[in-house]
Amino acid sequence: MNRVNLNDGRLRDAIARGSFEEAQPVLRDFAWELAALLKTIPPADPAALAALRQSADLLEWARRMACAGRARASTELSRLSAALPYREIPDRLGATWRLDG
């Protein structure tokens, strides 16, 4: 197994957990390592095409996961925002009744 596959796993793990800040440097390392790997493989070699396909599949999966995460966060934010008016009833009117006694 080469290091590109190792970072593939680290990248998948970070994205699956929704840790996009952690995924950014791992993705950068993955891209550098993929470029270095492709420099060592002749372009006509099927391994080069396999590495490119694997990388394209990984990036498409990561994009879909990021979109799903954003949609989930947006839905949660909308749900929480809609509940804010019910969280606390303000005392705008003051007392509307008075006891004499």
PDB file of N, CA and C in Angstrom:
ATOM      1  N   MET A   1       0.863  -1.180   0.000  1.00  0.00           N
ATOM      2  CA  MET A   1       0.000   0.000   0.000  1.00  0.00           C
ATOM      3  C   MET A   1       0.903   1.235   0.000  1.00  0.00           C
ATOM      4  N   ASN A   2       0.622   2.182  -0.882  1.00  0.00           N
ATOM      5  CA  ASN A   2       1.438   3.400  -0.892  1.00  0.00           C
ATOM      6  C   ASN A   2       0.809   4.460   0.003  1.00  0.00           C
ATOM      7  N   ARG A   3       1.516   5.568   0.222  1.00  0.00           N
ATOM      8  CA  ARG A   3       1.037   6.608   1.153  1.00  0.00           C
ATOM      9  C   ARG A   3      -0.216   7.287   0.654  1.00  0.00           C
ATOM     10  N   VAL A   4      -0.440   7.318  -0.656  1.00  0.00           N
ATOM     11  CA  VAL A   4      -1.672   7.930  -1.163  1.00  0.00           C
ATOM     12  C   VAL A   4      -2.880   7.194  -0.594  1.00  0.00           C
ATOM     13  N   ASN A   5      -2.814   5.875  -0.570  1.00  0.00           N
ATOM     14  CA  ASN A   5      -3.921   5.117   0.014  1.00  0.00           C
ATOM     15  C   ASN A   5      -4.064   5.381   1.508  1.00  0.00           C
ATOM     16  N   LEU A   6      -2.953   5.579   2.210  1.00  0.00           N
ATOM     17  CA  LEU A   6      -3.047   5.888   3.635  1.00  0.00           C
ATOM     18  C   LEU A   6      -3.763   7.213   3.852  1.00  0.00           C
ATOM     19  N   ASN A   7      -3.406   8.235   3.074  1.00  0.00           N
ATOM     20  CA  ASN A   7      -4.083   9.516   3.217  1.00  0.00           C
ATOM     21  C   ASN A   7      -5.515   9.453   2.720  1.00  0.00           C
ATOM     22  N   ASP A   8      -5.793   8.565   1.793  1.00  0.00           N
ATOM     23  CA  ASP A   8      -7.159   8.354   1.347  1.00  0.00           C
ATOM     24  C   ASP A   8      -8.015   7.990   2.563  1.00  0.00           C
ATOM     25  N   GLY A   9      -7.503   7.077   3.377  1.00  0.00           N
ATOM     26  CA  GLY A   9      -8.246   6.670   4.580  1.00  0.00           C
ATOM     27  C   GLY A   9      -8.379   7.791   5.595  1.00  0.00           C
ATOM     28  N   ARG A  10      -7.296   8.542   5.808  1.00  0.00           N
ATOM     29  CA  ARG A  10      -7.353   9.672   6.742  1.00  0.00           C
ATOM     30  C   ARG A  10      -8.341  10.721   6.255  1.00  0.00           C
ATOM     31  N   LEU A  11      -8.345  10.956   4.948  1.00  0.00           N
ATOM     32  CA  LEU A  11      -9.262  11.949   4.382  1.00  0.00           C
ATOM     33  C   LEU A  11     -10.707  11.482   4.508  1.00  0.00           C
ATOM     34  N   ARG A  12     -10.952  10.239   4.162  1.00  0.00           N
ATOM     35  CA  ARG A  12     -12.316   9.704   4.291  1.00  0.00           C
ATOM     36  C   ARG A  12     -12.802   9.759   5.743  1.00  0.00           C
ATOM     37  N   ASP A  13     -11.930   9.432   6.660  1.00  0.00           N
ATOM     38  CA  ASP A  13     -12.291   9.447   8.083  1.00  0.00           C
ATOM     39  C   ASP A  13     -12.658  10.862   8.537  1.00  0.00           C
ATOM     40  N   ALA A  14     -11.835  11.838   8.186  1.00  0.00           N
ATOM     41  CA  ALA A  14     -12.095  13.227   8.601  1.00  0.00           C
ATOM     42  C   ALA A  14     -13.399  13.745   7.998  1.00  0.00           C
ATOM     43  N   ILE A  15     -13.634  13.464   6.735  1.00  0.00           N
ATOM     44  CA  ILE A  15     -14.849  13.959   6.079  1.00  0.00           C
ATOM     45  C   ILE A  15     -16.079  13.236   6.614  1.00  0.00           C
ATOM     46  N   ALA A  16     -15.971  11.940   6.824  1.00  0.00           N
ATOM     47  CA  ALA A  16     -17.112  11.177   7.352  1.00  0.00           C
ATOM     48  C   ALA A  16     -17.526  11.686   8.730  1.00  0.00           C
ATOM     49  N   ARG A  17     -16.555  12.166   9.514  1.00  0.00           N
ATOM     50  CA  ARG A  17     -16.864  12.728  10.833  1.00  0.00           C
ATOM     51  C   ARG A  17     -17.323  14.182  10.735  1.00  0.00           C
ATOM     52  N   GLY A  18     -17.273  14.766   9.543  1.00  0.00           N
ATOM     53  CA  GLY A  18     -17.657  16.166   9.389  1.00  0.00           C
ATOM     54  C   GLY A  18     -16.588  17.127   9.853  1.00  0.00           C
ATOM     55  N   SER A  19     -15.360  16.662   9.995  1.00  0.00           N
ATOM     56  CA  SER A  19     -14.251  17.493  10.464  1.00  0.00           C
ATOM     57  C   SER A  19     -13.521  18.074   9.258  1.00  0.00           C
ATOM     58  N   PHE A  20     -14.146  19.071   8.636  1.00  0.00           N
ATOM     59  CA  PHE A  20     -13.614  19.618   7.394  1.00  0.00           C
ATOM     60  C   PHE A  20     -12.334  20.421   7.621  1.00  0.00           C
ATOM     61  N   GLU A  21     -12.170  21.006   8.795  1.00  0.00           N
ATOM     62  CA  GLU A  21     -10.917  21.707   9.096  1.00  0.00           C
ATOM     63  C   GLU A  21      -9.761  20.718   9.141  1.00  0.00           C
ATOM     64  N   GLU A  22     -10.000  19.559   9.696  1.00  0.00           N
ATOM     65  CA  GLU A  22      -8.973  18.520   9.736  1.00  0.00           C
ATOM     66  C   GLU A  22      -8.715  17.959   8.335  1.00  0.00           C
ATOM     67  N   ALA A  23      -9.751  17.899   7.518  1.00  0.00           N
ATOM     68  CA  ALA A  23      -9.629  17.315   6.182  1.00  0.00           C
ATOM     69  C   ALA A  23      -8.814  18.193   5.234  1.00  0.00           C
ATOM     70  N   GLN A  24      -8.815  19.494   5.429  1.00  0.00           N
ATOM     71  CA  GLN A  24      -8.118  20.382   4.495  1.00  0.00           C
ATOM     72  C   GLN A  24      -6.627  20.081   4.369  1.00  0.00           C
ATOM     73  N   PRO A  25      -5.871  20.018   5.464  1.00  0.00           N
ATOM     74  CA  PRO A  25      -4.443  19.704   5.288  1.00  0.00           C
ATOM     75  C   PRO A  25      -4.219  18.277   4.784  1.00  0.00           C
ATOM     76  N   VAL A  26      -5.087  17.353   5.162  1.00  0.00           N
ATOM     77  CA  VAL A  26      -4.952  15.973   4.686  1.00  0.00           C
ATOM     78  C   VAL A  26      -5.190  15.933   3.175  1.00  0.00           C
ATOM     79  N   LEU A  27      -6.160  16.699   2.696  1.00  0.00           N
ATOM     80  CA  LEU A  27      -6.427  16.767   1.261  1.00  0.00           C
ATOM     81  C   LEU A  27      -5.238  17.369   0.520  1.00  0.00           C
ATOM     82  N   ARG A  28      -4.647  18.403   1.091  1.00  0.00           N
ATOM     83  CA  ARG A  28      -3.471  19.014   0.476  1.00  0.00           C
ATOM     84  C   ARG A  28      -2.343  17.992   0.375  1.00  0.00           C
ATOM     85  N   ASP A  29      -2.096  17.259   1.464  1.00  0.00           N
ATOM     86  CA  ASP A  29      -1.057  16.223   1.449  1.00  0.00           C
ATOM     87  C   ASP A  29      -1.379  15.137   0.421  1.00  0.00           C
ATOM     88  N   PHE A  30      -2.648  14.750   0.365  1.00  0.00           N
ATOM     89  CA  PHE A  30      -3.077  13.733  -0.601  1.00  0.00           C
ATOM     90  C   PHE A  30      -2.771  14.197  -2.025  1.00  0.00           C
ATOM     91  N   ALA A  31      -3.068  15.445  -2.331  1.00  0.00           N
ATOM     92  CA  ALA A  31      -2.825  15.971  -3.683  1.00  0.00           C
ATOM     93  C   ALA A  31      -1.335  15.979  -4.010  1.00  0.00           C
ATOM     94  N   TRP A  32      -0.506  16.403  -3.054  1.00  0.00           N
ATOM     95  CA  TRP A  32       0.943  16.406  -3.276  1.00  0.00           C
ATOM     96  C   TRP A  32       1.467  14.989  -3.489  1.00  0.00           C
ATOM     97  N   GLU A  33       1.002  14.064  -2.677  1.00  0.00           N
ATOM     98  CA  GLU A  33       1.467  12.689  -2.789  1.00  0.00           C
ATOM     99  C   GLU A  33       0.982  12.028  -4.076  1.00  0.00           C
ATOM    100  N   LEU A  34      -0.226  12.363  -4.489  1.00  0.00           N
ATOM    101  CA  LEU A  34      -0.722  11.844  -5.758  1.00  0.00           C
ATOM    102  C   LEU A  34       0.123  12.374  -6.911  1.00  0.00           C
ATOM    103  N   ALA A  35       0.433  13.656  -6.881  1.00  0.00           N
ATOM    104  CA  ALA A  35       1.278  14.239  -7.929  1.00  0.00           C
ATOM    105  C   ALA A  35       2.649  13.575  -7.948  1.00  0.00           C
ATOM    106  N   ALA A  36       3.223  13.339  -6.781  1.00  0.00           N
ATOM    107  CA  ALA A  36       4.530  12.680  -6.711  1.00  0.00           C
ATOM    108  C   ALA A  36       4.453  11.248  -7.234  1.00  0.00           C
ATOM    109  N   LEU A  37       3.379  10.546  -6.896  1.00  0.00           N
ATOM    110  CA  LEU A  37       3.192   9.181  -7.381  1.00  0.00           C
ATOM    111  C   LEU A  37       3.069   9.154  -8.894  1.00  0.00           C
ATOM    112  N   LEU A  38       2.287  10.088  -9.443  1.00  0.00           N
ATOM    113  CA  LEU A  38       2.078  10.116 -10.895  1.00  0.00           C
ATOM    114  C   LEU A  38       3.359  10.458 -11.651  1.00  0.00           C
ATOM    115  N   LYS A  39       4.276  11.179 -11.008  1.00  0.00           N
ATOM    116  CA  LYS A  39       5.558  11.474 -11.652  1.00  0.00           C
ATOM    117  C   LYS A  39       6.416  10.225 -11.795  1.00  0.00           C
ATOM    118  N   THR A  40       6.169   9.235 -10.940  1.00  0.00           N
ATOM    119  CA  THR A  40       6.982   8.014 -10.983  1.00  0.00           C
ATOM    120  C   THR A  40       6.393   6.950 -11.900  1.00  0.00           C
ATOM    121  N   ILE A  41       5.184   7.157 -12.380  1.00  0.00           N
ATOM    122  CA  ILE A  41       4.506   6.162 -13.211  1.00  0.00           C
ATOM    123  C   ILE A  41       4.434   6.698 -14.639  1.00  0.00           C
ATOM    124  N   PRO A  42       4.801   5.895 -15.633  1.00  0.00           N
ATOM    125  CA  PRO A  42       4.646   6.350 -17.019  1.00  0.00           C
ATOM    126  C   PRO A  42       3.164   6.623 -17.329  1.00  0.00           C
ATOM    127  N   PRO A  43       2.870   7.663 -18.106  1.00  0.00           N
ATOM    128  CA  PRO A  43       1.476   8.005 -18.396  1.00  0.00           C
ATOM    129  C   PRO A  43       0.669   6.873 -19.024  1.00  0.00           C
ATOM    130  N   ALA A  44       1.300   6.012 -19.774  1.00  0.00           N
ATOM    131  CA  ALA A  44       0.588   4.913 -20.431  1.00  0.00           C
ATOM    132  C   ALA A  44       0.329   3.739 -19.489  1.00  0.00           C
ATOM    133  N   ASP A  45       0.915   3.779 -18.320  1.00  0.00           N
ATOM    134  CA  ASP A  45       0.762   2.687 -17.358  1.00  0.00           C
ATOM    135  C   ASP A  45      -0.672   2.695 -16.810  1.00  0.00           C
ATOM    136  N   PRO A  46      -1.343   1.537 -16.797  1.00  0.00           N
ATOM    137  CA  PRO A  46      -2.705   1.481 -16.233  1.00  0.00           C
ATOM    138  C   PRO A  46      -2.774   1.930 -14.770  1.00  0.00           C
ATOM    139  N   ALA A  47      -1.674   1.837 -14.038  1.00  0.00           N
ATOM    140  CA  ALA A  47      -1.662   2.278 -12.641  1.00  0.00           C
ATOM    141  C   ALA A  47      -1.894   3.782 -12.539  1.00  0.00           C
ATOM    142  N   ALA A  48      -1.412   4.541 -13.534  1.00  0.00           N
ATOM    143  CA  ALA A  48      -1.629   5.992 -13.522  1.00  0.00           C
ATOM    144  C   ALA A  48      -3.111   6.303 -13.672  1.00  0.00           C
ATOM    145  N   LEU A  49      -3.755   5.628 -14.612  1.00  0.00           N
ATOM    146  CA  LEU A  49      -5.192   5.844 -14.811  1.00  0.00           C
ATOM    147  C   LEU A  49      -5.978   5.394 -13.586  1.00  0.00           C
ATOM    148  N   ALA A  50      -5.570   4.289 -12.973  1.00  0.00           N
ATOM    149  CA  ALA A  50      -6.257   3.797 -11.766  1.00  0.00           C
ATOM    150  C   ALA A  50      -6.117   4.803 -10.628  1.00  0.00           C
ATOM    151  N   ALA A  51      -4.932   5.390 -10.462  1.00  0.00           N
ATOM    152  CA  ALA A  51      -4.729   6.381  -9.393  1.00  0.00           C
ATOM    153  C   ALA A  51      -5.584   7.620  -9.641  1.00  0.00           C
ATOM    154  N   LEU A  52      -5.675   8.037 -10.901  1.00  0.00           N
ATOM    155  CA  LEU A  52      -6.511   9.211 -11.223  1.00  0.00           C
ATOM    156  C   LEU A  52      -7.988   8.913 -10.991  1.00  0.00           C
ATOM    157  N   ARG A  53      -8.424   7.723 -11.380  1.00  0.00           N
ATOM    158  CA  ARG A  53      -9.840   7.353 -11.150  1.00  0.00           C
ATOM    159  C   ARG A  53     -10.144   7.293  -9.655  1.00  0.00           C
ATOM    160  N   GLN A  54      -9.234   6.676  -8.899  1.00  0.00           N
ATOM    161  CA  GLN A  54      -9.428   6.581  -7.450  1.00  0.00           C
ATOM    162  C   GLN A  54      -9.524   7.980  -6.835  1.00  0.00           C
ATOM    163  N   SER A  55      -8.661   8.861  -7.280  1.00  0.00           N
ATOM    164  CA  SER A  55      -8.660  10.229  -6.750  1.00  0.00           C
ATOM    165  C   SER A  55      -9.934  10.975  -7.135  1.00  0.00           C
ATOM    166  N   ALA A  56     -10.359  10.834  -8.381  1.00  0.00           N
ATOM    167  CA  ALA A  56     -11.592  11.498  -8.826  1.00  0.00           C
ATOM    168  C   ALA A  56     -12.800  10.982  -8.052  1.00  0.00           C
ATOM    169  N   ASP A  57     -12.848   9.668  -7.830  1.00  0.00           N
ATOM    170  CA  ASP A  57     -13.948   9.089  -7.037  1.00  0.00           C
ATOM    171  C   ASP A  57     -13.926   9.620  -5.610  1.00  0.00           C
ATOM    172  N   LEU A  58     -12.738   9.695  -5.035  1.00  0.00           N
ATOM    173  CA  LEU A  58     -12.610  10.214  -3.680  1.00  0.00           C
ATOM    174  C   LEU A  58     -13.070  11.667  -3.592  1.00  0.00           C
ATOM    175  N   LEU A  59     -12.637  12.495  -4.537  1.00  0.00           N
ATOM    176  CA  LEU A  59     -13.022  13.909  -4.509  1.00  0.00           C
ATOM    177  C   LEU A  59     -14.522  14.092  -4.727  1.00  0.00           C
ATOM    178  N   GLU A  60     -15.130  13.277  -5.592  1.00  0.00           N
ATOM    179  CA  GLU A  60     -16.575  13.364  -5.792  1.00  0.00           C
ATOM    180  C   GLU A  60     -17.314  12.948  -4.526  1.00  0.00           C
ATOM    181  N   TRP A  61     -16.852  11.891  -3.872  1.00  0.00           N
ATOM    182  CA  TRP A  61     -17.469  11.462  -2.618  1.00  0.00           C
ATOM    183  C   TRP A  61     -17.341  12.564  -1.563  1.00  0.00           C
ATOM    184  N   ALA A  62     -16.148  13.165  -1.466  1.00  0.00           N
ATOM    185  CA  ALA A  62     -15.924  14.231  -0.489  1.00  0.00           C
ATOM    186  C   ALA A  62     -16.832  15.428  -0.767  1.00  0.00           C
ATOM    187  N   ARG A  63     -16.997  15.771  -2.037  1.00  0.00           N
ATOM    188  CA  ARG A  63     -17.876  16.894  -2.399  1.00  0.00           C
ATOM    189  C   ARG A  63     -19.315  16.598  -1.981  1.00  0.00           C
ATOM    190  N   ARG A  64     -19.769  15.388  -2.254  1.00  0.00           N
ATOM    191  CA  ARG A  64     -21.146  15.025  -1.880  1.00  0.00           C
ATOM    192  C   ARG A  64     -21.336  15.033  -0.368  1.00  0.00           C
ATOM    193  N   MET A  65     -20.345  14.534   0.358  1.00  0.00           N
ATOM    194  CA  MET A  65     -20.435  14.535   1.817  1.00  0.00           C
ATOM    195  C   MET A  65     -20.451  15.964   2.362  1.00  0.00           C
ATOM    196  N   ALA A  66     -19.649  16.843   1.775  1.00  0.00           N
ATOM    197  CA  ALA A  66     -19.624  18.243   2.216  1.00  0.00           C
ATOM    198  C   ALA A  66     -20.975  18.904   1.941  1.00  0.00           C
ATOM    199  N   CYS A  67     -21.558  18.633   0.774  1.00  0.00           N
ATOM    200  CA  CYS A  67     -22.876  19.196   0.454  1.00  0.00           C
ATOM    201  C   CYS A  67     -23.945  18.677   1.409  1.00  0.00           C
ATOM    202  N   ALA A  68     -23.887  17.393   1.708  1.00  0.00           N
ATOM    203  CA  ALA A  68     -24.853  16.814   2.652  1.00  0.00           C
ATOM    204  C   ALA A  68     -24.677  17.415   4.043  1.00  0.00           C
ATOM    205  N   GLY A  69     -23.442  17.609   4.451  1.00  0.00           N
ATOM    206  CA  GLY A  69     -23.175  18.219   5.757  1.00  0.00           C
ATOM    207  C   GLY A  69     -23.686  19.645   5.830  1.00  0.00           C
ATOM    208  N   ARG A  70     -23.487  20.391   4.760  1.00  0.00           N
ATOM    209  CA  ARG A  70     -23.986  21.776   4.732  1.00  0.00           C
ATOM    210  C   ARG A  70     -25.506  21.811   4.772  1.00  0.00           C
ATOM    211  N   ALA A  71     -26.142  20.901   4.041  1.00  0.00           N
ATOM    212  CA  ALA A  71     -27.604  20.854   4.038  1.00  0.00           C
ATOM    213  C   ALA A  71     -28.122  20.498   5.426  1.00  0.00           C
ATOM    214  N   ARG A  72     -27.472  19.546   6.076  1.00  0.00           N
ATOM    215  CA  ARG A  72     -27.876  19.146   7.432  1.00  0.00           C
ATOM    216  C   ARG A  72     -27.706  20.308   8.407  1.00  0.00           C
ATOM    217  N   ALA A  73     -26.597  21.024   8.307  1.00  0.00           N
ATOM    218  CA  ALA A  73     -26.358  22.169   9.186  1.00  0.00           C
ATOM    219  C   ALA A  73     -27.365  23.277   8.925  1.00  0.00           C
ATOM    220  N   SER A  74     -27.686  23.505   7.662  1.00  0.00           N
ATOM    221  CA  SER A  74     -28.667  24.536   7.315  1.00  0.00           C
ATOM    222  C   SER A  74     -30.051  24.191   7.870  1.00  0.00           C
ATOM    223  N   THR A  75     -30.430  22.934   7.754  1.00  0.00           N
ATOM    224  CA  THR A  75     -31.724  22.492   8.284  1.00  0.00           C
ATOM    225  C   THR A  75     -31.772  22.661   9.799  1.00  0.00           C
ATOM    226  N   GLU A  76     -30.691  22.287  10.459  1.00  0.00           N
ATOM    227  CA  GLU A  76     -30.634  22.419  11.922  1.00  0.00           C
ATOM    228  C   GLU A  76     -30.684  23.888  12.338  1.00  0.00           C
ATOM    229  N   LEU A  77     -29.977  24.744  11.618  1.00  0.00           N
ATOM    230  CA  LEU A  77     -29.994  26.174  11.919  1.00  0.00           C
ATOM    231  C   LEU A  77     -31.393  26.755  11.720  1.00  0.00           C
ATOM    232  N   SER A  78     -32.062  26.356  10.652  1.00  0.00           N
ATOM    233  CA  SER A  78     -33.430  26.826  10.420  1.00  0.00           C
ATOM    234  C   SER A  78     -34.367  26.373  11.529  1.00  0.00           C
ATOM    235  N   ARG A  79     -34.202  25.119  11.947  1.00  0.00           N
ATOM    236  CA  ARG A  79     -35.050  24.582  13.017  1.00  0.00           C
ATOM    237  C   ARG A  79     -34.814  25.344  14.311  1.00  0.00           C
ATOM    238  N   LEU A  80     -33.557  25.607  14.636  1.00  0.00           N
ATOM    239  CA  LEU A  80     -33.251  26.333  15.861  1.00  0.00           C
ATOM    240  C   LEU A  80     -33.711  27.788  15.784  1.00  0.00           C
ATOM    241  N   SER A  81     -33.555  28.401  14.624  1.00  0.00           N
ATOM    242  CA  SER A  81     -33.982  29.789  14.465  1.00  0.00           C
ATOM    243  C   SER A  81     -35.494  29.920  14.598  1.00  0.00           C
ATOM    244  N   ALA A  82     -36.206  28.935  14.081  1.00  0.00           N
ATOM    245  CA  ALA A  82     -37.667  28.973  14.171  1.00  0.00           C
ATOM    246  C   ALA A  82     -38.138  28.823  15.617  1.00  0.00           C
ATOM    247  N   ALA A  83     -37.361  28.162  16.443  1.00  0.00           N
ATOM    248  CA  ALA A  83     -37.746  27.935  17.837  1.00  0.00           C
ATOM    249  C   ALA A  83     -37.384  29.103  18.745  1.00  0.00           C
ATOM    250  N   LEU A  84     -36.550  30.022  18.302  1.00  0.00           N
ATOM    251  CA  LEU A  84     -36.109  31.122  19.170  1.00  0.00           C
ATOM    252  C   LEU A  84     -37.255  31.956  19.756  1.00  0.00           C
ATOM    253  N   PRO A  85     -38.269  32.310  18.988  1.00  0.00           N
ATOM    254  CA  PRO A  85     -39.344  33.120  19.587  1.00  0.00           C
ATOM    255  C   PRO A  85     -40.063  32.430  20.742  1.00  0.00           C
ATOM    256  N   TYR A  86     -40.033  31.116  20.799  1.00  0.00           N
ATOM    257  CA  TYR A  86     -40.737  30.378  21.836  1.00  0.00           C
ATOM    258  C   TYR A  86     -39.855  30.081  23.045  1.00  0.00           C
ATOM    259  N   ARG A  87     -38.583  30.377  22.922  1.00  0.00           N
ATOM    260  CA  ARG A  87     -37.658  30.064  23.999  1.00  0.00           C
ATOM    261  C   ARG A  87     -37.960  30.855  25.260  1.00  0.00           C
ATOM    262  N   GLU A  88     -38.247  32.119  25.116  1.00  0.00           N
ATOM    263  CA  GLU A  88     -38.468  32.967  26.278  1.00  0.00           C
ATOM    264  C   GLU A  88     -39.531  34.004  25.925  1.00  0.00           C
ATOM    265  N   ILE A  89     -40.530  34.100  26.752  1.00  0.00           N
ATOM    266  CA  ILE A  89     -41.582  35.091  26.521  1.00  0.00           C
ATOM    267  C   ILE A  89     -41.163  36.377  27.215  1.00  0.00           C
ATOM    268  N   PRO A  90     -40.993  37.441  26.459  1.00  0.00           N
ATOM    269  CA  PRO A  90     -40.553  38.702  27.072  1.00  0.00           C
ATOM    270  C   PRO A  90     -41.666  39.335  27.897  1.00  0.00           C
ATOM    271  N   ASP A  91     -41.287  40.051  28.911  1.00  0.00           N
ATOM    272  CA  ASP A  91     -42.245  40.744  29.772  1.00  0.00           C
ATOM    273  C   ASP A  91     -42.388  42.174  29.258  1.00  0.00           C
ATOM    274  N   ARG A  92     -42.934  42.315  28.077  1.00  0.00           N
ATOM    275  CA  ARG A  92     -43.073  43.635  27.453  1.00  0.00           C
ATOM    276  C   ARG A  92     -44.212  44.446  28.072  1.00  0.00           C
ATOM    277  N   LEU A  93     -45.270  43.757  28.423  1.00  0.00           N
ATOM    278  CA  LEU A  93     -46.457  44.465  28.858  1.00  0.00           C
ATOM    279  C   LEU A  93     -46.462  44.789  30.343  1.00  0.00           C
ATOM    280  N   GLY A  94     -45.636  44.117  31.082  1.00  0.00           N
ATOM    281  CA  GLY A  94     -45.686  44.287  32.522  1.00  0.00           C
ATOM    282  C   GLY A  94     -46.907  43.558  33.064  1.00  0.00           C
ATOM    283  N   ALA A  95     -47.281  43.834  34.284  1.00  0.00           N
ATOM    284  CA  ALA A  95     -48.441  43.178  34.877  1.00  0.00           C
ATOM    285  C   ALA A  95     -49.708  43.716  34.241  1.00  0.00           C
ATOM    286  N   THR A  96     -50.626  42.833  33.921  1.00  0.00           N
ATOM    287  CA  THR A  96     -51.901  43.258  33.339  1.00  0.00           C
ATOM    288  C   THR A  96     -53.027  43.166  34.349  1.00  0.00           C
ATOM    289  N   TRP A  97     -52.698  42.832  35.584  1.00  0.00           N
ATOM    290  CA  TRP A  97     -53.707  42.783  36.619  1.00  0.00           C
ATOM    291  C   TRP A  97     -53.092  43.298  37.915  1.00  0.00           C
ATOM    292  N   ARG A  98     -53.945  43.674  38.808  1.00  0.00           N
ATOM    293  CA  ARG A  98     -53.482  44.236  40.061  1.00  0.00           C
ATOM    294  C   ARG A  98     -54.352  43.707  41.195  1.00  0.00           C
ATOM    295  N   LEU A  99     -53.732  43.380  42.314  1.00  0.00           N
ATOM    296  CA  LEU A  99     -54.488  42.929  43.480  1.00  0.00           C
ATOM    297  C   LEU A  99     -54.622  44.115  44.455  1.00  0.00           C
ATOM    298  N   ASP A 100     -55.808  44.362  44.881  1.00  0.00           N
ATOM    299  CA  ASP A 100     -56.037  45.378  45.910  1.00  0.00           C
ATOM    300  C   ASP A 100     -56.237  44.652  47.235  1.00  0.00           C
ATOM    301  N   GLY A 101     -55.746  45.228  48.251  1.00  0.00           N
ATOM    302  CA  GLY A 101     -56.037  44.528  49.469  1.00  0.00           C
ATOM    303  C   GLY A 101     -55.533  45.077  50.662  1.00  0.00           C
TER     304      GLY A 101
END
